[in-house]
Protein backbone atom coordinates (compact mmCIF):
# COMPACT_ATOMS: atom_id res chain seq x y z
CA MET A 1 0.00 0.00 0.00
CA ILE A 2 1.46 3.38 -0.98
CA GLY A 3 1.92 5.99 1.68
CA ASN A 4 2.71 3.79 4.70
CA LYS A 5 6.42 4.62 4.69
CA GLY A 6 7.30 7.48 6.99
CA LEU A 7 3.77 8.04 8.28
CA ILE A 8 4.45 7.38 11.98
CA ALA A 9 5.87 10.83 12.76
CA PRO A 10 3.03 12.77 11.09
CA ALA A 11 0.52 10.62 12.96
CA VAL A 12 2.15 11.44 16.31
CA GLY A 13 2.14 15.13 15.38
CA ALA A 14 -1.54 14.89 14.58
CA VAL A 15 -2.27 13.56 18.06
CA LEU A 16 -0.29 16.40 19.67
CA VAL A 17 -2.18 19.14 17.84
CA LEU A 18 -5.56 17.50 18.46
CA THR A 19 -5.74 18.94 21.97
CA THR A 20 -3.99 22.29 21.52
CA GLY A 21 -5.67 23.09 18.22
CA PHE A 22 -9.14 22.28 19.50
CA PHE A 23 -8.83 24.56 22.50
CA ALA A 24 -7.45 27.34 20.27
CA VAL A 25 -10.53 27.12 18.04
CA GLN A 26 -12.86 26.88 21.05
CA ASP A 27 -11.25 29.91 22.65
CA ALA A 28 -11.42 31.94 19.43
CA ALA A 29 -15.08 31.11 18.89
CA GLY A 30 -15.94 31.49 22.55
CA GLN A 31 -14.62 35.04 22.74
CA ASP A 32 -17.59 36.16 20.65
CA GLN A 33 -20.13 33.54 21.63
CA GLY A 34 -23.53 34.46 20.30
CA SER A 35 -22.24 37.23 18.02
CA LEU A 36 -22.87 37.25 14.31
CA ALA A 37 -20.17 36.51 11.76
CA ARG A 38 -20.17 40.18 10.69
CA SER A 39 -18.93 41.10 14.13
CA ALA A 40 -16.20 38.48 14.54
CA LEU A 41 -15.25 35.55 12.34
CA THR A 42 -12.75 32.78 13.03
CA VAL A 43 -11.26 31.07 9.97
CA ILE A 44 -9.59 27.70 10.52
CA ALA A 45 -6.53 27.01 8.38
CA PRO A 46 -6.32 23.19 8.72
CA ALA A 47 -2.54 23.13 8.25
CA ALA A 48 0.63 24.67 9.62
CA ALA A 49 1.58 28.25 8.83
CA GLY A 50 3.09 28.76 5.41
CA GLY A 51 1.16 26.16 3.43
CA GLY A 52 -1.54 26.55 0.78
CA TRP A 53 -4.49 26.43 3.16
CA ASP A 54 -2.82 28.93 5.47
CA LEU A 55 -2.10 31.23 2.53
CA ALA A 56 -5.74 31.11 1.40
CA ALA A 57 -6.96 31.78 4.95
CA ARG A 58 -4.59 34.76 5.37
CA GLU A 59 -5.59 36.22 2.01
CA PHE A 60 -9.26 35.83 2.99
CA GLN A 61 -8.51 37.55 6.30
CA GLN A 62 -6.62 40.39 4.62
CA ALA A 63 -9.32 41.01 2.00
CA ALA A 64 -12.12 40.94 4.58
CA ARG A 65 -10.21 43.42 6.77
CA THR A 66 -9.18 45.71 3.92
CA GLU A 67 -12.71 45.99 2.62
CA SER A 68 -14.25 46.15 6.14
CA VAL A 69 -16.42 43.14 5.31
CA VAL A 70 -16.08 41.83 8.90
CA ASN A 71 -15.17 43.81 12.01
CA SER A 72 -12.69 41.20 13.23
CA VAL A 73 -11.25 38.17 11.40
CA GLN A 74 -8.97 35.72 13.18
CA VAL A 75 -7.07 32.81 11.58
CA VAL A 76 -6.39 29.73 13.69
CA ASN A 77 -3.98 27.05 12.43
CA VAL A 78 -5.00 23.46 13.19
CA PRO A 79 -2.47 21.25 11.36
CA GLY A 80 -2.40 17.49 10.97
CA ALA A 81 -3.63 14.43 9.07
CA GLY A 82 -4.27 16.07 5.73
CA GLY A 83 -6.52 18.72 7.24
CA THR A 84 -8.83 16.20 8.85
CA ILE A 85 -8.04 17.31 12.41
CA GLY A 86 -9.33 20.75 11.50
CA LEU A 87 -12.36 19.13 9.86
CA GLY A 88 -13.09 17.10 12.99
CA GLN A 89 -12.86 20.19 15.17
CA LEU A 90 -15.18 22.17 12.91
CA GLN A 91 -17.69 19.33 13.07
CA GLN A 92 -17.65 19.56 16.88
CA LEU A 93 -18.53 23.26 16.76
CA GLU A 94 -22.14 22.35 16.04
CA ALA A 95 -24.34 25.33 15.06
CA ASP A 96 -21.53 27.89 15.59
CA PRO A 97 -22.16 30.61 12.95
CA THR A 98 -18.91 32.49 13.63
CA THR A 99 -16.39 29.83 12.56
CA ALA A 100 -15.50 28.78 9.02
CA MET A 101 -12.70 26.71 7.52
CA ILE A 102 -10.63 26.74 4.34
CA THR A 103 -10.72 23.35 2.63
CA GLY A 104 -9.63 21.68 -0.58
CA ALA A 105 -8.83 18.50 -2.46
CA ALA A 106 -6.20 17.40 0.06
CA MET A 107 -8.86 17.09 2.75
CA VAL A 108 -10.89 14.70 0.59
CA GLY A 109 -7.80 12.51 0.24
CA GLY A 110 -7.01 12.81 3.94
CA VAL A 111 -10.47 11.53 4.86
CA GLU A 112 -10.04 8.57 2.50
CA MET A 113 -6.69 7.76 4.10
CA GLY A 114 -8.50 7.32 7.41
CA GLY A 115 -7.61 10.63 9.01
CA SER A 116 -11.12 11.40 10.27
CA SER A 117 -14.56 9.94 10.74
CA ALA A 118 -15.94 13.30 9.56
CA ARG A 119 -16.42 14.02 5.87
CA LEU A 120 -16.72 17.28 3.99
CA SER A 121 -20.34 16.43 3.30
CA ASP A 122 -20.92 16.55 7.09
CA VAL A 123 -20.27 20.31 7.35
CA THR A 124 -21.99 23.29 5.75
CA PRO A 125 -20.79 24.35 2.27
CA ILE A 126 -20.36 28.07 1.68
CA ALA A 127 -18.40 28.52 -1.55
CA ARG A 128 -15.68 27.19 -3.79
CA LEU A 129 -13.10 29.92 -4.36
CA THR A 130 -10.09 29.05 -6.52
CA ASP A 131 -8.06 26.40 -8.29
CA ASP A 132 -4.42 25.98 -7.30
CA PHE A 133 -1.70 24.08 -9.18
CA GLN A 134 1.05 21.64 -8.29
CA VAL A 135 4.64 21.91 -9.49
CA ILE A 136 7.21 19.13 -9.87
CA ALA A 137 10.63 20.49 -8.86
CA VAL A 138 14.22 19.46 -8.14
CA PRO A 139 17.24 21.25 -6.63
CA ALA A 140 18.92 23.67 -9.04
CA ASP A 141 22.06 21.50 -9.21
CA SER A 142 20.11 18.31 -9.95
CA PRO A 143 21.25 16.24 -12.93
CA TRP A 144 17.56 16.09 -13.94
CA GLU A 145 17.21 19.14 -16.16
CA THR A 146 13.88 18.04 -17.66
CA LEU A 147 10.96 15.87 -16.61
CA ASP A 148 12.02 13.24 -19.15
CA ASP A 149 15.51 13.14 -17.57
CA PHE A 150 13.95 12.21 -14.26
CA LEU A 151 11.51 9.71 -15.74
CA GLU A 152 14.32 7.92 -17.58
CA ASP A 153 16.19 7.37 -14.30
CA TRP A 154 12.96 6.58 -12.44
CA ARG A 155 12.13 3.76 -14.84
CA GLU A 156 15.56 2.25 -14.15
CA ASP A 157 15.20 2.75 -10.38
CA PRO A 158 11.52 2.90 -9.36
CA ASP A 159 12.55 3.19 -5.69
CA ILE A 160 13.72 6.81 -6.13
CA PRO A 161 11.70 8.64 -3.44
CA VAL A 162 9.32 11.43 -4.39
CA GLY A 163 8.52 13.99 -1.70
CA GLY A 164 5.31 15.88 -1.13
CA GLY A 165 2.68 16.76 1.44
CA SER A 166 0.55 14.42 3.53
CA ALA A 167 -0.49 10.96 2.39
CA GLY A 168 -3.47 11.22 0.05
CA SER A 169 -2.78 14.89 -0.74
CA PRO A 170 -2.82 16.28 -4.29
CA ASP A 171 0.99 16.04 -4.19
CA HIS A 172 0.70 12.32 -3.50
CA LEU A 173 -1.94 11.80 -6.18
CA VAL A 174 0.09 13.72 -8.77
CA ALA A 175 3.13 11.55 -7.95
CA GLY A 176 0.95 8.48 -8.47
CA GLN A 177 -0.36 9.82 -11.78
CA LEU A 178 3.22 10.53 -12.86
CA ALA A 179 4.28 6.98 -12.02
CA GLU A 180 1.37 5.62 -14.01
CA ALA A 181 2.23 7.88 -16.97
CA ALA A 182 5.82 6.62 -16.81
CA GLU A 183 4.48 3.04 -17.04
CA LEU A 184 5.55 2.25 -13.48
CA ASP A 185 3.34 0.51 -10.94
CA PRO A 186 1.91 3.39 -8.85
CA ALA A 187 1.27 0.92 -6.02
CA GLY A 188 5.06 0.62 -5.70
CA LEU A 189 5.64 4.36 -5.50
CA HIS A 190 8.17 5.34 -2.82
CA TYR A 191 6.38 8.45 -1.58
CA THR A 192 7.81 10.45 1.32
CA PRO A 193 5.21 12.65 3.03
CA HIS A 194 6.10 15.94 4.71
CA ALA A 195 4.17 18.16 7.11
CA GLY A 196 4.06 21.01 4.60
CA GLY A 197 5.79 22.85 1.80
CA GLY A 198 8.39 24.34 4.15
CA GLU A 199 9.52 20.95 5.42
CA LEU A 200 9.60 19.60 1.86
CA THR A 201 11.78 22.44 0.56
CA LEU A 202 14.24 21.92 3.43
CA SER A 203 14.47 18.27 2.41
CA LEU A 204 15.01 19.15 -1.25
CA LEU A 205 17.82 21.57 -0.37
CA SER A 206 19.58 19.14 1.97
CA ASP A 207 22.12 16.44 1.16
CA ALA A 208 21.48 14.56 4.39
CA ASN A 209 20.41 10.93 4.40
CA GLY A 210 16.66 10.44 4.18
CA THR A 211 15.99 13.60 2.20
CA VAL A 212 14.42 13.68 -1.26
CA GLN A 213 15.75 15.04 -4.54
CA ILE A 214 12.44 15.58 -6.31
CA GLY A 215 9.19 16.89 -4.89
CA VAL A 216 5.63 17.87 -5.72
CA SER A 217 3.96 20.83 -4.03
CA GLY A 218 1.82 23.88 -4.67
CA PHE A 219 3.36 26.58 -6.85
CA ASN A 220 3.45 29.08 -3.98
CA ASP A 221 5.36 26.65 -1.74
CA PHE A 222 8.17 26.54 -4.33
CA ARG A 223 7.79 29.98 -5.85
CA ASP A 224 10.49 31.95 -4.02
CA LEU A 225 13.07 29.19 -4.41
CA ILE A 226 12.28 28.79 -8.12
CA GLU A 227 12.56 32.53 -8.69
CA GLY A 228 15.76 32.55 -6.60
CA GLU A 229 17.13 29.71 -8.76
CA ARG A 230 17.58 27.33 -5.85
CA LEU A 231 14.96 24.96 -7.25
CA ARG A 232 14.31 24.02 -10.87
CA ALA A 233 10.70 23.46 -11.91
CA LEU A 234 10.29 20.53 -14.30
CA ALA A 235 6.55 20.85 -14.88
CA VAL A 236 3.37 22.47 -13.62
CA VAL A 237 0.19 20.40 -13.37
CA ALA A 238 -2.29 22.82 -14.92
CA PRO A 239 -4.50 23.05 -18.01
CA GLU A 240 -2.17 25.73 -19.41
CA ARG A 241 0.97 27.56 -18.38
CA LEU A 242 0.61 29.90 -15.43
CA GLU A 243 0.56 33.51 -16.54
CA GLY A 244 3.97 35.11 -16.31
CA VAL A 245 5.65 31.82 -15.31
CA ASP A 246 7.92 29.96 -17.75
CA ILE A 247 7.21 26.39 -16.62
CA PRO A 248 5.89 23.81 -19.12
CA THR A 249 2.73 21.90 -18.26
CA ALA A 250 2.81 18.13 -17.83
CA SER A 251 0.38 17.89 -20.72
CA GLU A 252 2.58 19.78 -23.18
CA LEU A 253 5.49 17.55 -22.16
CA GLY A 254 3.47 14.53 -23.29
CA TYR A 255 1.77 13.48 -20.03
CA PRO A 256 -1.86 14.68 -20.25
CA SER A 257 -3.01 12.12 -17.66
CA VAL A 258 -1.00 14.00 -15.00
CA ASN A 259 -3.83 16.46 -14.50
CA LEU A 260 -5.02 16.63 -10.89
CA VAL A 261 -6.04 20.21 -10.05
CA ASN A 262 -6.15 21.33 -6.44
CA TRP A 263 -8.89 23.70 -5.28
CA ARG A 264 -9.79 25.90 -2.32
CA GLY A 265 -13.17 26.48 -0.77
CA ILE A 266 -14.76 27.58 2.48
CA VAL A 267 -17.14 25.62 4.71
CA ALA A 268 -18.86 26.28 8.02
CA ALA A 269 -19.92 24.26 11.04
CA PRO A 270 -22.82 21.81 10.73
CA GLY A 271 -26.23 22.75 12.08
CA ILE A 272 -26.18 26.49 11.37
CA SER A 273 -29.44 28.02 10.18
CA GLU A 274 -30.20 28.96 6.58
CA GLU A 275 -29.98 32.62 7.59
CA GLU A 276 -26.54 32.10 9.13
CA GLN A 277 -25.35 30.22 6.05
CA ALA A 278 -26.67 33.06 3.87
CA GLU A 279 -24.78 35.61 5.96
CA LEU A 280 -21.52 33.68 5.60
CA LEU A 281 -22.15 33.41 1.87
CA GLU A 282 -22.75 37.16 1.64
CA ILE A 283 -19.52 37.85 3.53
CA THR A 284 -17.61 35.52 1.21
CA GLU A 285 -19.15 37.06 -1.92
CA GLU A 286 -18.20 40.58 -0.79
CA MET A 287 -14.68 39.43 0.02
CA TYR A 288 -14.40 37.57 -3.31
CA GLN A 289 -15.44 40.60 -5.35
CA ALA A 290 -13.09 42.96 -3.51
CA PRO A 291 -10.08 44.35 -5.42
CA SER A 292 -7.70 43.03 -2.73
CA TRP A 293 -8.92 39.44 -3.29
CA GLN A 294 -8.58 39.83 -7.05
CA GLU A 295 -5.03 41.03 -6.46
CA ALA A 296 -4.41 37.93 -4.32
CA ILE A 297 -5.64 35.70 -7.16
CA ASP A 298 -3.21 37.34 -9.58
CA ARG A 299 -0.32 37.38 -7.11
CA ASN A 300 -0.66 33.70 -6.19
CA ARG A 301 -1.32 32.49 -9.76
CA TRP A 302 -4.68 31.01 -8.72
CA ASP A 303 -7.58 30.54 -11.10
CA PRO A 304 -10.97 31.84 -9.89
CA SER A 305 -13.52 29.02 -9.70
CA TRP A 306 -16.51 30.44 -7.80
CA ALA A 307 -19.39 28.15 -6.90
CA GLY A 308 -22.17 28.90 -4.40
CA PRO A 309 -23.44 26.51 -1.71
CA GLU A 310 -25.59 24.19 -3.83
CA GLU A 311 -23.13 23.87 -6.69
CA PHE A 312 -20.25 23.55 -4.21
CA SER A 313 -22.09 20.80 -2.32
CA ASP A 314 -22.59 18.86 -5.57
CA PHE A 315 -18.94 19.42 -6.45
CA ILE A 316 -17.79 18.04 -3.08
CA THR A 317 -19.87 14.90 -3.62
CA GLU A 318 -18.33 14.46 -7.08
CA GLU A 319 -14.82 15.06 -5.70
CA GLU A 320 -15.30 12.47 -2.96
CA THR A 321 -16.25 9.91 -5.63
CA ARG A 322 -13.54 10.95 -8.10
CA ILE A 323 -10.66 11.10 -5.64
CA ARG A 324 -11.66 7.83 -3.98
CA ALA A 325 -11.65 6.12 -7.40
CA LEU A 326 -8.26 7.64 -8.23
CA MET A 327 -6.80 6.51 -4.91
CA ILE A 328 -8.08 2.97 -5.49
CA ASP A 329 -6.60 2.96 -9.01
CA LEU A 330 -3.24 4.15 -7.64
CA GLY A 331 -3.24 1.55 -4.85
CA LEU A 332 -3.48 4.09 -2.05
CA ILE A 333 -6.58 2.55 -0.50
CA ASP A 334 -8.44 -0.74 -0.81
CA GLU A 335 -11.75 -1.02 -2.61
CA THR A 336 -14.01 -1.90 0.32
């Protein structure tokens, strides 16, 4: 089964944050108990600081503050288990209308990997916001100057480790798709999970034993190091090249099946009223239309992909089915 190697440490970390993260969210929500979301809103970033979910949460916070959409917006980081610890904590905040959470494709995979009994369909959908894109990168001094260079060596030595985020994340699924495209058995993929993009980049830049020499992560996790020429991007997993970024897509390099697109959305606690859901939607719409959010989309090379609650709910159901099927095909989980 792919993804079992190296998973003990992340699992222990998940247990440690379960207590501290939950009380942080409880305290943040409790400070304004009974108030409306317009007065004070807590946004859970279900990952450590510096990752894609954290970035989306901070950009949401900044846009809401800049445009005075909400009087007070607080971001609380609850890392661990592919975002499913944050999901479990949101589920426990039953009927709390002042707490929301950034979510995405990685959380669907995290649930399938057994990280939580809660599912995205158990909480309240607000809106889908953006699409985000993964990049395959190596250190700047790597002998692999192109994706085909790497794949040629990978076919000769399928045990070359590929680094990325948590097990079942888009990074993991892209690595599996790449193995399949290279005519390797994805079930034999040597995938090395990391707690986030920061930990992965440290591994890529290190020569120590146990580090990796190729990784998959979100563009913004690698961006500074690519622009600083410390990492070399081999491919971006996107329908077309990112604007202003000279990185070929996997498709144009001859691997159209390497096509998993990450996405970001926002959900709320279960059990809130229709009026409370409508208020959170209105807040999100105002934030989304604000110039500062549009600037964030351009700055982070995201694609806007707005969907309201009903369409977003249907999309989540489709994603749960699609990602589960992909994970079965790649040997990540059993078909049970």
